């Protein structure tokens, strides 16, 4: 299931709706930062310090100053409007933790694929993962200081995205920016699910 009913009532007295959204992308792209910035609860983090042993298997190119890594998931929650909340699950970025993605993606309505234009190739695995499993997603370009600026259309072409996959620019540190990304995910997933339902009925 892509959603669940919450025990908390909505503003109209009805059940509140909770939707599951994944936040994915390459190592050091800002997934933990995004979840932490938008979450209205203290986010759950499973970060560990990078070790010398990990240098043999983790590609830290371009993120030299990063000292920790997510080894399981990040978790947060944000209320989009009365009666509608999003449960956010940040995925680990390194190859050796990808086995966790299948478990985390169960029941997800949609996903955010965070991208860094300095290391755009790092988000290819996440894009492929969601495309093959037909999980609706948006690509959110995290605009790092000092990085060359690219338009949404340029990023879409570079990633060879399916037609209609949204690309948005964001600042993962900013709550309002992150919230706008999540709203786009919900809207895009809603359109995709409606289209699939109409295809089934037709």
C-alpha atoms as a PDB file:
ATOM      1  CA  UNK A   1       0.000   0.000   0.000  1.00  0.00           C
ATOM      2  CA  UNK A   2       1.187   3.532  -0.769  1.00  0.00           C
ATOM      3  CA  UNK A   3      -0.576   5.066   2.198  1.00  0.00           C
ATOM      4  CA  UNK A   4      -2.028   4.335   5.562  1.00  0.00           C
ATOM      5  CA  UNK A   5      -4.704   5.803   7.770  1.00  0.00           C
ATOM      6  CA  UNK A   6      -3.455   7.563  10.844  1.00  0.00           C
ATOM      7  CA  UNK A   7      -5.129   7.357  14.236  1.00  0.00           C
ATOM      8  CA  UNK A   8      -5.081  11.152  14.390  1.00  0.00           C
ATOM      9  CA  UNK A   9      -8.229  12.834  13.018  1.00  0.00           C
ATOM     10  CA  UNK A  10      -8.018  15.329  10.189  1.00  0.00           C
ATOM     11  CA  UNK A  11      -9.311  18.889  10.410  1.00  0.00           C
ATOM     12  CA  UNK A  12     -12.746  17.787   9.175  1.00  0.00           C
ATOM     13  CA  UNK A  13     -12.985  15.072  11.803  1.00  0.00           C
ATOM     14  CA  UNK A  14     -12.106  12.306   9.323  1.00  0.00           C
ATOM     15  CA  UNK A  15      -9.082  10.050   9.338  1.00  0.00           C
ATOM     16  CA  UNK A  16      -5.740  11.617   8.505  1.00  0.00           C
ATOM     17  CA  UNK A  17      -3.826  10.272   5.515  1.00  0.00           C
ATOM     18  CA  UNK A  18      -0.121   9.381   5.768  1.00  0.00           C
ATOM     19  CA  UNK A  19       1.875   8.866   2.575  1.00  0.00           C
ATOM     20  CA  UNK A  20       5.305   7.235   2.301  1.00  0.00           C
ATOM     21  CA  UNK A  21       7.957   9.072   0.267  1.00  0.00           C
ATOM     22  CA  UNK A  22      11.527   7.923  -0.367  1.00  0.00           C
ATOM     23  CA  UNK A  23      14.465  10.328  -0.579  1.00  0.00           C
ATOM     24  CA  UNK A  24      17.232   8.757  -2.668  1.00  0.00           C
ATOM     25  CA  UNK A  25      20.364   9.691  -4.571  1.00  0.00           C
ATOM     26  CA  UNK A  26      24.116   9.321  -4.549  1.00  0.00           C
ATOM     27  CA  UNK A  27      26.517   9.430  -1.631  1.00  0.00           C
ATOM     28  CA  UNK A  28      26.774  12.878  -0.019  1.00  0.00           C
ATOM     29  CA  UNK A  29      24.097  14.516  -2.178  1.00  0.00           C
ATOM     30  CA  UNK A  30      22.049  15.863   0.754  1.00  0.00           C
ATOM     31  CA  UNK A  31      19.424  13.238   1.588  1.00  0.00           C
ATOM     32  CA  UNK A  32      19.955  13.409   5.357  1.00  0.00           C
ATOM     33  CA  UNK A  33      20.031  17.204   5.149  1.00  0.00           C
ATOM     34  CA  UNK A  34      16.715  17.356   3.276  1.00  0.00           C
ATOM     35  CA  UNK A  35      14.907  15.005   5.654  1.00  0.00           C
ATOM     36  CA  UNK A  36      16.255  16.917   8.653  1.00  0.00           C
ATOM     37  CA  UNK A  37      15.344  20.312   7.193  1.00  0.00           C
ATOM     38  CA  UNK A  38      11.677  19.529   6.531  1.00  0.00           C
ATOM     39  CA  UNK A  39      10.854  17.105   9.356  1.00  0.00           C
ATOM     40  CA  UNK A  40       8.560  18.453  12.065  1.00  0.00           C
ATOM     41  CA  UNK A  41       9.762  15.744  14.438  1.00  0.00           C
ATOM     42  CA  UNK A  42      13.306  15.030  15.482  1.00  0.00           C
ATOM     43  CA  UNK A  43      14.534  12.925  12.549  1.00  0.00           C
ATOM     44  CA  UNK A  44      15.774   9.407  13.066  1.00  0.00           C
ATOM     45  CA  UNK A  45      19.280   9.052  11.648  1.00  0.00           C
ATOM     46  CA  UNK A  46      21.534   6.028  11.293  1.00  0.00           C
ATOM     47  CA  UNK A  47      24.797   7.779  10.562  1.00  0.00           C
ATOM     48  CA  UNK A  48      28.216   6.382  11.296  1.00  0.00           C
ATOM     49  CA  UNK A  49      31.613   7.982  10.916  1.00  0.00           C
ATOM     50  CA  UNK A  50      33.496   7.128   7.749  1.00  0.00           C
ATOM     51  CA  UNK A  51      36.371   4.768   8.474  1.00  0.00           C
ATOM     52  CA  UNK A  52      39.645   4.018   6.728  1.00  0.00           C
ATOM     53  CA  UNK A  53      38.295   0.572   5.877  1.00  0.00           C
ATOM     54  CA  UNK A  54      35.386   2.201   4.070  1.00  0.00           C
ATOM     55  CA  UNK A  55      37.742   4.114   1.810  1.00  0.00           C
ATOM     56  CA  UNK A  56      38.331   0.869  -0.084  1.00  0.00           C
ATOM     57  CA  UNK A  57      34.646   0.527  -1.049  1.00  0.00           C
ATOM     58  CA  UNK A  58      33.096   4.017  -0.835  1.00  0.00           C
ATOM     59  CA  UNK A  59      33.657   6.614  -3.551  1.00  0.00           C
ATOM     60  CA  UNK A  60      34.102   9.890  -1.680  1.00  0.00           C
ATOM     61  CA  UNK A  61      35.260  11.847  -4.726  1.00  0.00           C
ATOM     62  CA  UNK A  62      33.784  15.341  -4.672  1.00  0.00           C
ATOM     63  CA  UNK A  63      32.645  15.019  -1.041  1.00  0.00           C
ATOM     64  CA  UNK A  64      36.035  15.070   0.669  1.00  0.00           C
ATOM     65  CA  UNK A  65      34.716  16.975   3.694  1.00  0.00           C
ATOM     66  CA  UNK A  66      31.966  14.468   4.436  1.00  0.00           C
ATOM     67  CA  UNK A  67      32.756  12.578   7.662  1.00  0.00           C
ATOM     68  CA  UNK A  68      29.635  10.458   8.210  1.00  0.00           C
ATOM     69  CA  UNK A  69      27.424   8.165   6.156  1.00  0.00           C
ATOM     70  CA  UNK A  70      23.892   6.754   6.443  1.00  0.00           C
ATOM     71  CA  UNK A  71      24.044   2.995   6.982  1.00  0.00           C
ATOM     72  CA  UNK A  72      20.331   2.149   7.130  1.00  0.00           C
ATOM     73  CA  UNK A  73      17.922   5.033   6.638  1.00  0.00           C
ATOM     74  CA  UNK A  74      16.806   8.489   7.711  1.00  0.00           C
ATOM     75  CA  UNK A  75      13.234   8.985   8.867  1.00  0.00           C
ATOM     76  CA  UNK A  76      11.167  12.130   9.280  1.00  0.00           C
ATOM     77  CA  UNK A  77       7.595  13.377   9.058  1.00  0.00           C
ATOM     78  CA  UNK A  78       6.037  16.522   7.666  1.00  0.00           C
ATOM     79  CA  UNK A  79       2.411  17.685   7.574  1.00  0.00           C
ATOM     80  CA  UNK A  80       1.644  19.106   4.129  1.00  0.00           C
ATOM     81  CA  UNK A  81      -1.844  20.260   5.095  1.00  0.00           C
ATOM     82  CA  UNK A  82      -4.497  19.357   7.628  1.00  0.00           C
ATOM     83  CA  UNK A  83      -5.181  15.639   7.336  1.00  0.00           C
ATOM     84  CA  UNK A  84      -2.208  14.880   5.070  1.00  0.00           C
ATOM     85  CA  UNK A  85       1.234  13.891   6.357  1.00  0.00           C
ATOM     86  CA  UNK A  86       4.277  12.486   4.605  1.00  0.00           C
ATOM     87  CA  UNK A  87       6.557   9.865   6.138  1.00  0.00           C
ATOM     88  CA  UNK A  88      10.026  10.398   4.701  1.00  0.00           C
ATOM     89  CA  UNK A  89      12.524   7.564   4.330  1.00  0.00           C
ATOM     90  CA  UNK A  90      16.031   8.553   3.263  1.00  0.00           C
ATOM     91  CA  UNK A  91      17.937   5.725   1.586  1.00  0.00           C
ATOM     92  CA  UNK A  92      21.658   5.007   2.029  1.00  0.00           C
ATOM     93  CA  UNK A  93      23.752   6.220  -0.890  1.00  0.00           C
ATOM     94  CA  UNK A  94      26.600   3.722  -1.185  1.00  0.00           C
ATOM     95  CA  UNK A  95      26.427   0.675  -3.431  1.00  0.00           C
ATOM     96  CA  UNK A  96      27.016  -1.738  -0.563  1.00  0.00           C
ATOM     97  CA  UNK A  97      23.757  -0.695   1.143  1.00  0.00           C
ATOM     98  CA  UNK A  98      21.477  -0.920  -1.902  1.00  0.00           C
ATOM     99  CA  UNK A  99      20.049  -4.225  -0.682  1.00  0.00           C
ATOM    100  CA  UNK A 100      18.015  -2.094   1.772  1.00  0.00           C
ATOM    101  CA  UNK A 101      16.225  -0.222  -1.006  1.00  0.00           C
ATOM    102  CA  UNK A 102      13.738  -3.012  -1.790  1.00  0.00           C
ATOM    103  CA  UNK A 103      12.612  -3.086   1.830  1.00  0.00           C
ATOM    104  CA  UNK A 104      12.371   0.706   2.114  1.00  0.00           C
ATOM    105  CA  UNK A 105      10.455   1.076  -1.160  1.00  0.00           C
ATOM    106  CA  UNK A 106       7.617  -1.214  -0.077  1.00  0.00           C
ATOM    107  CA  UNK A 107       4.420   0.838   0.010  1.00  0.00           C
ATOM    108  CA  UNK A 108       6.010   4.057  -1.226  1.00  0.00           C
ATOM    109  CA  UNK A 109       3.751   6.476  -3.100  1.00  0.00           C
ATOM    110  CA  UNK A 110       6.709   8.141  -4.787  1.00  0.00           C
ATOM    111  CA  UNK A 111      10.291   9.288  -4.429  1.00  0.00           C
ATOM    112  CA  UNK A 112      12.684  12.204  -4.609  1.00  0.00           C
ATOM    113  CA  UNK A 113      15.970  11.594  -6.435  1.00  0.00           C
ATOM    114  CA  UNK A 114      18.427  14.212  -5.226  1.00  0.00           C
ATOM    115  CA  UNK A 115      21.070  15.194  -7.771  1.00  0.00           C
ATOM    116  CA  UNK A 116      24.313  17.144  -7.655  1.00  0.00           C
ATOM    117  CA  UNK A 117      25.292  18.565 -11.056  1.00  0.00           C
ATOM    118  CA  UNK A 118      28.992  18.154 -10.136  1.00  0.00           C
ATOM    119  CA  UNK A 119      28.424  14.378  -9.867  1.00  0.00           C
ATOM    120  CA  UNK A 120      25.288  13.849 -11.923  1.00  0.00           C
ATOM    121  CA  UNK A 121      26.204  10.257 -12.745  1.00  0.00           C
ATOM    122  CA  UNK A 122      25.793   9.330  -9.062  1.00  0.00           C
ATOM    123  CA  UNK A 123      22.005   9.508  -9.327  1.00  0.00           C
ATOM    124  CA  UNK A 124      21.729   7.183 -12.361  1.00  0.00           C
ATOM    125  CA  UNK A 125      21.226   4.065 -10.177  1.00  0.00           C
ATOM    126  CA  UNK A 126      18.333   5.711  -8.309  1.00  0.00           C
ATOM    127  CA  UNK A 127      16.708   6.890 -11.546  1.00  0.00           C
ATOM    128  CA  UNK A 128      16.999   3.394 -13.040  1.00  0.00           C
ATOM    129  CA  UNK A 129      15.675   1.795  -9.849  1.00  0.00           C
ATOM    130  CA  UNK A 130      12.460   3.833  -9.770  1.00  0.00           C
ATOM    131  CA  UNK A 131      11.889   3.737 -13.525  1.00  0.00           C
ATOM    132  CA  UNK A 132      12.144  -0.076 -13.635  1.00  0.00           C
ATOM    133  CA  UNK A 133       9.795  -0.457 -10.660  1.00  0.00           C
ATOM    134  CA  UNK A 134       7.397   2.184 -11.998  1.00  0.00           C
ATOM    135  CA  UNK A 135       7.574   4.204  -8.778  1.00  0.00           C
ATOM    136  CA  UNK A 136       6.776   7.866  -9.587  1.00  0.00           C
ATOM    137  CA  UNK A 137       9.658  10.207  -8.791  1.00  0.00           C
ATOM    138  CA  UNK A 138      10.938  13.719  -9.295  1.00  0.00           C
ATOM    139  CA  UNK A 139      14.571  14.723  -9.698  1.00  0.00           C
ATOM    140  CA  UNK A 140      15.522  17.515  -7.297  1.00  0.00           C
ATOM    141  CA  UNK A 141      18.787  19.254  -8.164  1.00  0.00           C
ATOM    142  CA  UNK A 142      20.440  20.289  -4.911  1.00  0.00           C
ATOM    143  CA  UNK A 143      22.075  23.614  -5.754  1.00  0.00           C
ATOM    144  CA  UNK A 144      25.445  23.494  -4.017  1.00  0.00           C
ATOM    145  CA  UNK A 145      27.487  26.674  -3.667  1.00  0.00           C
ATOM    146  CA  UNK A 146      30.153  26.904  -6.329  1.00  0.00           C
ATOM    147  CA  UNK A 147      28.503  24.354  -8.614  1.00  0.00           C
ATOM    148  CA  UNK A 148      27.727  25.312 -12.199  1.00  0.00           C
ATOM    149  CA  UNK A 149      24.059  26.109 -12.668  1.00  0.00           C
ATOM    150  CA  UNK A 150      22.029  24.025 -15.134  1.00  0.00           C
ATOM    151  CA  UNK A 151      18.403  24.376 -16.147  1.00  0.00           C
ATOM    152  CA  UNK A 152      15.807  21.669 -15.496  1.00  0.00           C
ATOM    153  CA  UNK A 153      15.637  20.816 -19.206  1.00  0.00           C
ATOM    154  CA  UNK A 154      19.418  20.320 -19.397  1.00  0.00           C
ATOM    155  CA  UNK A 155      19.363  17.965 -16.396  1.00  0.00           C
ATOM    156  CA  UNK A 156      16.432  16.027 -17.846  1.00  0.00           C
ATOM    157  CA  UNK A 157      18.311  15.488 -21.120  1.00  0.00           C
ATOM    158  CA  UNK A 158      21.547  14.547 -19.363  1.00  0.00           C
ATOM    159  CA  UNK A 159      19.735  11.889 -17.302  1.00  0.00           C
ATOM    160  CA  UNK A 160      17.635  10.717 -20.277  1.00  0.00           C
ATOM    161  CA  UNK A 161      14.511  10.878 -18.129  1.00  0.00           C
ATOM    162  CA  UNK A 162      11.176   9.533 -19.271  1.00  0.00           C
ATOM    163  CA  UNK A 163       8.948  12.241 -20.684  1.00  0.00           C
ATOM    164  CA  UNK A 164       6.939  13.935 -17.958  1.00  0.00           C
ATOM    165  CA  UNK A 165       9.367  13.229 -15.102  1.00  0.00           C
ATOM    166  CA  UNK A 166       9.635  16.546 -13.220  1.00  0.00           C
ATOM    167  CA  UNK A 167      13.002  18.175 -12.536  1.00  0.00           C
ATOM    168  CA  UNK A 168      13.110  20.890  -9.884  1.00  0.00           C
ATOM    169  CA  UNK A 169      15.877  23.016  -8.410  1.00  0.00           C
ATOM    170  CA  UNK A 170      16.139  23.107  -4.625  1.00  0.00           C
ATOM    171  CA  UNK A 171      18.239  23.869  -1.578  1.00  0.00           C
ATOM    172  CA  UNK A 172      18.161  20.788   0.670  1.00  0.00           C
ATOM    173  CA  UNK A 173      18.999  22.964   3.691  1.00  0.00           C
ATOM    174  CA  UNK A 174      15.903  25.122   3.293  1.00  0.00           C
ATOM    175  CA  UNK A 175      12.605  23.857   4.735  1.00  0.00           C
ATOM    176  CA  UNK A 176      10.343  25.729   2.305  1.00  0.00           C
ATOM    177  CA  UNK A 177      12.396  24.583  -0.683  1.00  0.00           C
ATOM    178  CA  UNK A 178      12.282  20.978   0.501  1.00  0.00           C
ATOM    179  CA  UNK A 179       8.551  21.175   1.143  1.00  0.00           C
ATOM    180  CA  UNK A 180       7.945  22.395  -2.422  1.00  0.00           C
ATOM    181  CA  UNK A 181       9.866  19.369  -3.732  1.00  0.00           C
ATOM    182  CA  UNK A 182       7.695  17.017  -1.671  1.00  0.00           C
ATOM    183  CA  UNK A 183       4.507  18.666  -2.889  1.00  0.00           C
ATOM    184  CA  UNK A 184       5.674  18.115  -6.473  1.00  0.00           C
ATOM    185  CA  UNK A 185       6.260  14.431  -5.704  1.00  0.00           C
ATOM    186  CA  UNK A 186       2.733  13.998  -4.320  1.00  0.00           C
ATOM    187  CA  UNK A 187       1.202  15.832  -7.294  1.00  0.00           C
ATOM    188  CA  UNK A 188       3.222  13.859  -9.844  1.00  0.00           C
ATOM    189  CA  UNK A 189       2.483  10.533  -8.157  1.00  0.00           C
ATOM    190  CA  UNK A 190      -1.214  11.414  -8.049  1.00  0.00           C
ATOM    191  CA  UNK A 191      -1.268  12.078 -11.786  1.00  0.00           C
ATOM    192  CA  UNK A 192       0.629   8.858 -12.517  1.00  0.00           C
ATOM    193  CA  UNK A 193      -1.666   6.707 -10.385  1.00  0.00           C
ATOM    194  CA  UNK A 194      -4.753   8.306 -11.930  1.00  0.00           C
ATOM    195  CA  UNK A 195      -3.441   7.677 -15.457  1.00  0.00           C
ATOM    196  CA  UNK A 196      -2.697   4.015 -14.634  1.00  0.00           C
ATOM    197  CA  UNK A 197      -6.171   3.586 -13.159  1.00  0.00           C
ATOM    198  CA  UNK A 198      -7.783   5.034 -16.273  1.00  0.00           C
ATOM    199  CA  UNK A 199      -5.664   2.738 -18.463  1.00  0.00           C
ATOM    200  CA  UNK A 200      -6.828  -0.242 -16.414  1.00  0.00           C
ATOM    201  CA  UNK A 201     -10.486   0.770 -16.648  1.00  0.00           C
ATOM    202  CA  UNK A 202     -10.146   1.546 -20.361  1.00  0.00           C
END
